[in-house]
Amino acid sequence: MKIRDAFTRKTPTLSFEVFPPAREGNVESLYETIRELGDWKPDFISVTYGAGGSTRDKTIEIAAKVKKDFHHEVLAHLTCVQSTRDDIAGILDALKNETIENILALRGDPPDGTGVFRRIEGGFGYANELVEFIRSRSDFCVGVAGYPEGHCEAPSLDEDIRNLKRKIDAGADFIITQLFFDNDDFYRFRERVMKCGVRVPIVPGIFPILNYKQSQRIGSLCAPKLPPALREKIEKYRDKPEEIEKYGIEHAARQSEHLLQNEAAGIHIYSMNRSGPVRRILAELPLDPARRASKKG
């Protein structure tokens, strides 16, 4: 099934993101997480693509298993980093052979230690070029990333939204946002995107903060704005991880509920390969009864 068809239903979509574990032995733990999250009947599960394509084969392997063994629709991430057009064509063929129909097309982060993205010879420099190439190869459903607070490399939010529109004009079917913690940022972003003539679904990405170290790491990666109350709680309980996790889950649940009440196209939760926090968030949400009836525990 193509994910774009899920947005034609009346109910908001529900989806989760997982990533290939760094250690081979942890893949069974990941599959157990997917089994548990599957109780909520997600519309799709996305599988990330390591920096510089470092987990490319593992991404395809996990995505194929999610679809064939767990029977969930899957969204495979794909980036431009360190890949030529021929490399990308080979990956698309591999995905097609595994009957994977949905791709999240990303430029990708610069390779570790470089700090600057550079197009390699024969490769792509922008996500809109990748989207156009994917659509030229086969009838994949293509999602792209959006940044409610603007991409860190964009000179302004207006310029970043113009870049987003280029991705949509190249053939993207929907948008999943980068994490954010203040819903007003999402609502302003959604309004500005729509004013540019973009009419595809925009799905907010929700990231539950679960410990102090994690809160510092995400700040260095994409610099999302933390609401004062959330920042104060994190600082107050920096030596009490169980309190940070509790409050992080509460904040994510409140965020998600407010977004659903304000016509978000869906909710996409960055699971960090943990089912417990995600299930606690979902238990607080006004989800479709069919999803709630399917959960266990």
Protein backbone atom coordinates (compact mmCIF):
# COMPACT_ATOMS: atom_id res chain seq x y z
CA MET A 1 0.00 0.00 0.00
CA LYS A 2 1.16 3.50 -0.75
CA ILE A 3 1.16 5.73 2.29
CA ARG A 4 -0.50 8.56 0.38
CA ASP A 5 -3.68 6.44 0.34
CA ALA A 6 -3.76 6.39 4.16
CA PHE A 7 -4.32 10.15 4.16
CA THR A 8 -7.58 9.78 2.24
CA ARG A 9 -9.24 8.26 5.32
CA LYS A 10 -11.13 10.39 7.82
CA THR A 11 -8.98 9.47 10.81
CA PRO A 12 -5.44 10.83 11.42
CA THR A 13 -2.57 8.50 10.67
CA LEU A 14 -0.37 6.94 13.33
CA SER A 15 3.23 6.00 12.61
CA PHE A 16 6.53 5.28 14.32
CA GLU A 17 10.20 5.66 13.46
CA VAL A 18 12.84 3.05 14.26
CA PHE A 19 16.51 2.85 13.36
CA PRO A 20 18.91 -0.01 12.58
CA PRO A 21 20.83 -0.82 15.78
CA ALA A 22 24.56 -0.22 15.78
CA ARG A 23 25.22 -3.67 17.21
CA GLU A 24 24.19 -6.76 15.31
CA GLY A 25 22.93 -8.52 18.42
CA ASN A 26 20.41 -5.77 19.17
CA VAL A 27 18.29 -6.39 16.10
CA GLU A 28 16.09 -8.93 17.90
CA SER A 29 15.37 -6.32 20.56
CA LEU A 30 14.32 -3.96 17.78
CA TYR A 31 11.98 -6.59 16.34
CA GLU A 32 10.39 -7.07 19.75
CA THR A 33 9.79 -3.31 19.89
CA ILE A 34 8.14 -3.47 16.47
CA ARG A 35 5.95 -6.37 17.61
CA GLU A 36 4.78 -4.38 20.63
CA LEU A 37 4.17 -1.19 18.68
CA GLY A 38 2.25 -3.23 16.14
CA ASP A 39 -0.51 -3.73 18.73
CA TRP A 40 -1.61 -0.17 17.91
CA LYS A 41 -2.06 -0.89 14.18
CA PRO A 42 0.21 1.85 12.83
CA ASP A 43 -0.40 3.08 9.31
CA PHE A 44 3.31 2.72 8.68
CA ILE A 45 6.69 2.30 10.36
CA SER A 46 9.67 4.25 9.06
CA VAL A 47 13.21 2.87 9.08
CA THR A 48 16.08 5.35 9.10
CA TYR A 49 19.19 5.39 6.95
CA GLY A 50 22.54 5.76 8.72
CA ALA A 51 24.83 8.72 8.20
CA GLY A 52 26.70 8.39 4.95
CA GLY A 53 24.63 5.32 4.09
CA SER A 54 26.31 3.40 6.91
CA THR A 55 23.26 1.19 7.51
CA ARG A 56 21.96 0.99 3.96
CA ASP A 57 21.79 -2.80 3.72
CA LYS A 58 20.43 -3.10 7.25
CA THR A 59 17.77 -0.49 6.47
CA ILE A 60 16.55 -2.52 3.50
CA GLU A 61 16.66 -5.75 5.50
CA ILE A 62 14.66 -4.33 8.42
CA ALA A 63 12.19 -2.54 6.15
CA ALA A 64 11.56 -5.77 4.24
CA LYS A 65 10.97 -7.70 7.47
CA VAL A 66 8.57 -5.05 8.81
CA LYS A 67 6.49 -5.44 5.68
CA LYS A 68 6.70 -9.18 5.03
CA ASP A 69 6.86 -10.65 8.54
CA PHE A 70 5.09 -8.03 10.66
CA HIS A 71 2.66 -7.01 7.91
CA HIS A 72 2.99 -3.26 8.46
CA GLU A 73 3.43 -0.74 5.70
CA VAL A 74 6.97 0.59 5.73
CA LEU A 75 8.66 3.89 4.86
CA ALA A 76 12.33 3.40 3.98
CA HIS A 77 14.60 6.42 4.42
CA LEU A 78 16.99 7.28 1.59
CA THR A 79 19.63 10.03 1.50
CA CYS A 80 21.92 11.64 -1.07
CA VAL A 81 25.02 11.35 1.11
CA GLN A 82 28.05 9.75 -0.57
CA SER A 83 25.85 8.18 -3.27
CA THR A 84 25.97 8.56 -7.04
CA ARG A 85 22.91 8.37 -9.25
CA ASP A 86 23.87 4.78 -10.06
CA ASP A 87 24.13 3.98 -6.36
CA ILE A 88 20.66 5.40 -5.76
CA ALA A 89 19.28 3.51 -8.75
CA GLY A 90 20.63 0.28 -7.29
CA ILE A 91 19.01 0.98 -3.93
CA LEU A 92 15.69 1.75 -5.59
CA ASP A 93 15.87 -1.55 -7.45
CA ALA A 94 16.61 -3.37 -4.18
CA LEU A 95 13.64 -1.71 -2.47
CA LYS A 96 11.37 -2.53 -5.38
CA ASN A 97 12.49 -6.16 -5.29
CA GLU A 98 11.40 -6.26 -1.63
CA THR A 99 8.00 -4.80 -2.65
CA ILE A 100 8.71 -1.63 -0.66
CA GLU A 101 6.63 1.18 -2.16
CA ASN A 102 7.32 4.14 0.12
CA ILE A 103 10.48 6.24 0.53
CA LEU A 104 11.36 9.22 2.70
CA ALA A 105 13.71 11.22 0.48
CA LEU A 106 16.31 13.24 2.38
CA ARG A 107 19.43 15.14 1.45
CA GLY A 108 21.02 13.76 4.63
CA ASP A 109 23.51 15.15 7.12
CA PRO A 110 27.14 15.77 6.17
CA PRO A 111 29.48 12.85 6.89
CA ASP A 112 30.91 12.84 10.41
CA GLY A 113 33.64 15.37 10.95
CA THR A 114 33.00 17.43 7.82
CA GLY A 115 30.23 19.77 8.96
CA VAL A 116 29.43 20.73 5.36
CA PHE A 117 27.41 18.78 2.82
CA ARG A 118 29.13 18.43 -0.54
CA ARG A 119 27.66 16.86 -3.64
CA ILE A 120 29.86 14.05 -4.88
CA GLU A 121 30.56 13.62 -8.58
CA GLY A 122 27.55 11.97 -10.17
CA GLY A 123 25.42 12.51 -7.07
CA PHE A 124 22.69 14.81 -5.82
CA GLY A 125 23.05 17.98 -3.79
CA TYR A 126 19.43 18.59 -2.78
CA ALA A 127 16.47 16.49 -1.70
CA ASN A 128 14.26 17.83 -4.52
CA GLU A 129 16.71 16.32 -7.02
CA LEU A 130 16.45 12.99 -5.22
CA VAL A 131 12.64 13.17 -5.23
CA GLU A 132 12.59 13.86 -8.96
CA PHE A 133 14.95 10.96 -9.64
CA ILE A 134 12.91 8.54 -7.52
CA ARG A 135 9.70 9.49 -9.28
CA SER A 136 11.37 9.04 -12.66
CA ARG A 137 12.39 5.46 -11.81
CA SER A 138 9.15 3.95 -10.57
CA ASP A 139 5.82 4.71 -8.96
CA PHE A 140 7.13 5.02 -5.41
CA CYS A 141 5.19 7.06 -2.90
CA VAL A 142 7.61 9.72 -1.67
CA GLY A 143 7.67 11.62 1.61
CA VAL A 144 9.99 14.48 2.52
CA ALA A 145 11.09 16.28 5.68
CA GLY A 146 9.81 19.63 6.90
CA TYR A 147 11.32 21.84 9.58
CA PRO A 148 8.85 23.84 11.72
CA GLU A 149 11.68 26.00 13.10
CA GLY A 150 13.63 26.02 9.83
CA HIS A 151 16.56 23.88 8.74
CA CYS A 152 19.76 24.81 10.57
CA GLU A 153 21.50 25.59 7.24
CA ALA A 154 18.70 27.74 5.82
CA PRO A 155 19.22 31.52 5.97
CA SER A 156 15.56 32.00 6.97
CA LEU A 157 12.35 30.05 7.53
CA ASP A 158 10.88 31.61 4.37
CA GLU A 159 13.80 30.30 2.31
CA ASP A 160 13.50 26.89 3.94
CA ILE A 161 9.80 26.74 3.04
CA ARG A 162 10.65 27.65 -0.55
CA ASN A 163 13.06 24.71 -0.54
CA LEU A 164 10.28 22.51 0.82
CA LYS A 165 7.97 23.59 -1.99
CA ARG A 166 10.63 22.58 -4.51
CA LYS A 167 10.50 19.08 -3.04
CA ILE A 168 6.72 19.00 -3.34
CA ASP A 169 6.83 20.34 -6.89
CA ALA A 170 9.33 17.58 -7.72
CA GLY A 171 6.69 15.00 -6.81
CA ALA A 172 6.61 14.44 -3.05
CA ASP A 173 3.33 13.13 -1.65
CA PHE A 174 3.53 14.13 2.02
CA ILE A 175 5.68 15.82 4.66
CA ILE A 176 6.91 14.52 8.02
CA THR A 177 8.36 17.20 10.25
CA GLN A 178 11.54 17.28 12.25
CA LEU A 179 10.98 17.15 16.00
CA PHE A 180 9.72 20.25 17.81
CA PHE A 181 8.39 20.89 21.31
CA ASP A 182 6.16 23.94 20.93
CA ASN A 183 3.02 23.27 18.90
CA ASP A 184 2.69 26.94 17.96
CA ASP A 185 5.82 26.50 15.84
CA PHE A 186 4.09 23.69 13.95
CA TYR A 187 0.86 25.63 13.43
CA ARG A 188 2.72 28.68 12.09
CA PHE A 189 4.81 26.44 9.84
CA ARG A 190 1.74 24.62 8.51
CA GLU A 191 -0.01 27.90 7.74
CA ARG A 192 3.00 29.33 5.90
CA VAL A 193 3.49 26.15 3.91
CA MET A 194 -0.16 26.15 2.84
CA LYS A 195 0.06 29.81 1.84
CA CYS A 196 2.82 28.77 -0.58
CA GLY A 197 0.32 26.54 -2.34
CA VAL A 198 1.40 23.24 -0.80
CA ARG A 199 -1.59 20.95 -0.27
CA VAL A 200 0.00 17.62 0.69
CA PRO A 201 -0.50 16.20 4.22
CA ILE A 202 1.89 17.50 6.90
CA VAL A 203 2.52 15.03 9.72
CA PRO A 204 4.10 16.37 12.93
CA GLY A 205 7.06 14.43 14.32
CA ILE A 206 6.92 13.87 18.09
CA PHE A 207 10.02 13.16 20.14
CA PRO A 208 9.66 12.25 23.83
CA ILE A 209 12.66 13.42 25.87
CA LEU A 210 13.61 10.50 28.11
CA ASN A 211 16.86 11.59 29.81
CA TYR A 212 19.12 14.58 30.33
CA LYS A 213 21.88 13.45 27.98
CA GLN A 214 19.36 13.01 25.19
CA SER A 215 18.04 16.55 25.71
CA GLN A 216 21.56 17.91 25.27
CA ARG A 217 22.28 15.81 22.20
CA ILE A 218 19.18 16.88 20.27
CA GLY A 219 20.05 20.49 21.04
CA SER A 220 23.40 20.08 19.34
CA LEU A 221 21.92 18.24 16.36
CA CYS A 222 18.97 20.37 15.29
CA ALA A 223 18.59 23.03 18.02
CA PRO A 224 14.83 22.75 18.63
CA LYS A 225 13.38 25.35 20.94
CA LEU A 226 12.49 23.97 24.38
CA PRO A 227 9.53 25.66 26.10
CA PRO A 228 10.66 27.23 29.41
CA ALA A 229 8.59 24.82 31.56
CA LEU A 230 10.09 21.80 29.81
CA ARG A 231 13.63 23.16 30.05
CA GLU A 232 13.21 23.93 33.75
CA LYS A 233 11.97 20.42 34.48
CA ILE A 234 14.88 18.85 32.61
CA GLU A 235 17.40 20.96 34.47
CA LYS A 236 15.71 20.42 37.81
CA TYR A 237 15.73 16.64 37.46
CA ARG A 238 18.96 16.21 35.51
CA ASP A 239 20.14 13.66 38.11
CA LYS A 240 16.77 11.88 38.28
CA PRO A 241 16.28 10.20 34.91
CA GLU A 242 12.99 8.58 35.92
CA GLU A 243 11.50 12.04 36.55
CA ILE A 244 12.74 13.40 33.23
CA GLU A 245 11.27 10.40 31.42
CA LYS A 246 7.94 10.81 33.18
CA TYR A 247 7.72 14.49 32.32
CA GLY A 248 9.02 13.97 28.77
CA ILE A 249 6.28 11.43 28.11
CA GLU A 250 3.64 13.72 29.62
CA HIS A 251 4.79 16.60 27.43
CA ALA A 252 4.75 14.44 24.28
CA ALA A 253 1.25 13.17 25.11
CA ARG A 254 -0.07 16.72 25.64
CA GLN A 255 1.59 17.83 22.42
CA SER A 256 0.08 14.96 20.46
CA GLU A 257 -3.41 15.42 21.88
CA HIS A 258 -3.42 19.13 21.04
CA LEU A 259 -2.19 18.45 17.52
CA LEU A 260 -4.93 15.87 16.94
CA GLN A 261 -7.52 18.34 18.23
CA ASN A 262 -6.21 20.88 15.72
CA GLU A 263 -6.49 18.78 12.58
CA ALA A 264 -2.98 17.37 12.29
CA ALA A 265 -2.84 14.87 9.44
CA GLY A 266 -1.39 12.30 11.83
CA ILE A 267 1.15 11.69 14.56
CA HIS A 268 4.64 10.32 13.82
CA ILE A 269 6.51 9.27 16.97
CA TYR A 270 10.29 8.96 17.08
CA SER A 271 10.44 5.77 19.16
CA MET A 272 14.21 5.58 19.74
CA ASN A 273 13.62 1.81 19.44
CA ARG A 274 11.69 1.73 22.73
CA SER A 275 8.07 0.67 22.88
CA GLY A 276 7.33 1.44 26.54
CA PRO A 277 7.39 5.26 26.37
CA VAL A 278 5.48 5.24 23.08
CA ARG A 279 2.75 3.03 24.51
CA ARG A 280 2.42 5.35 27.52
CA ILE A 281 1.97 8.30 25.18
CA LEU A 282 -0.62 6.51 23.08
CA ALA A 283 -2.61 5.46 26.14
CA GLU A 284 -3.35 9.16 26.76
CA LEU A 285 -4.53 10.00 23.25
CA PRO A 286 -8.03 10.15 21.72
CA LEU A 287 -7.22 7.57 19.08
CA ASP A 288 -9.62 5.79 16.79
CA PRO A 289 -11.43 3.05 18.79
CA ALA A 290 -10.14 0.37 16.41
CA ARG A 291 -6.57 1.21 17.41
CA ARG A 292 -7.34 1.33 21.10
CA ALA A 293 -9.16 -2.00 20.96
CA SER A 294 -6.16 -3.61 19.29
CA LYS A 295 -3.60 -2.75 21.97
CA LYS A 296 -2.52 -5.17 24.66
CA GLY A 297 -1.62 -4.40 28.25
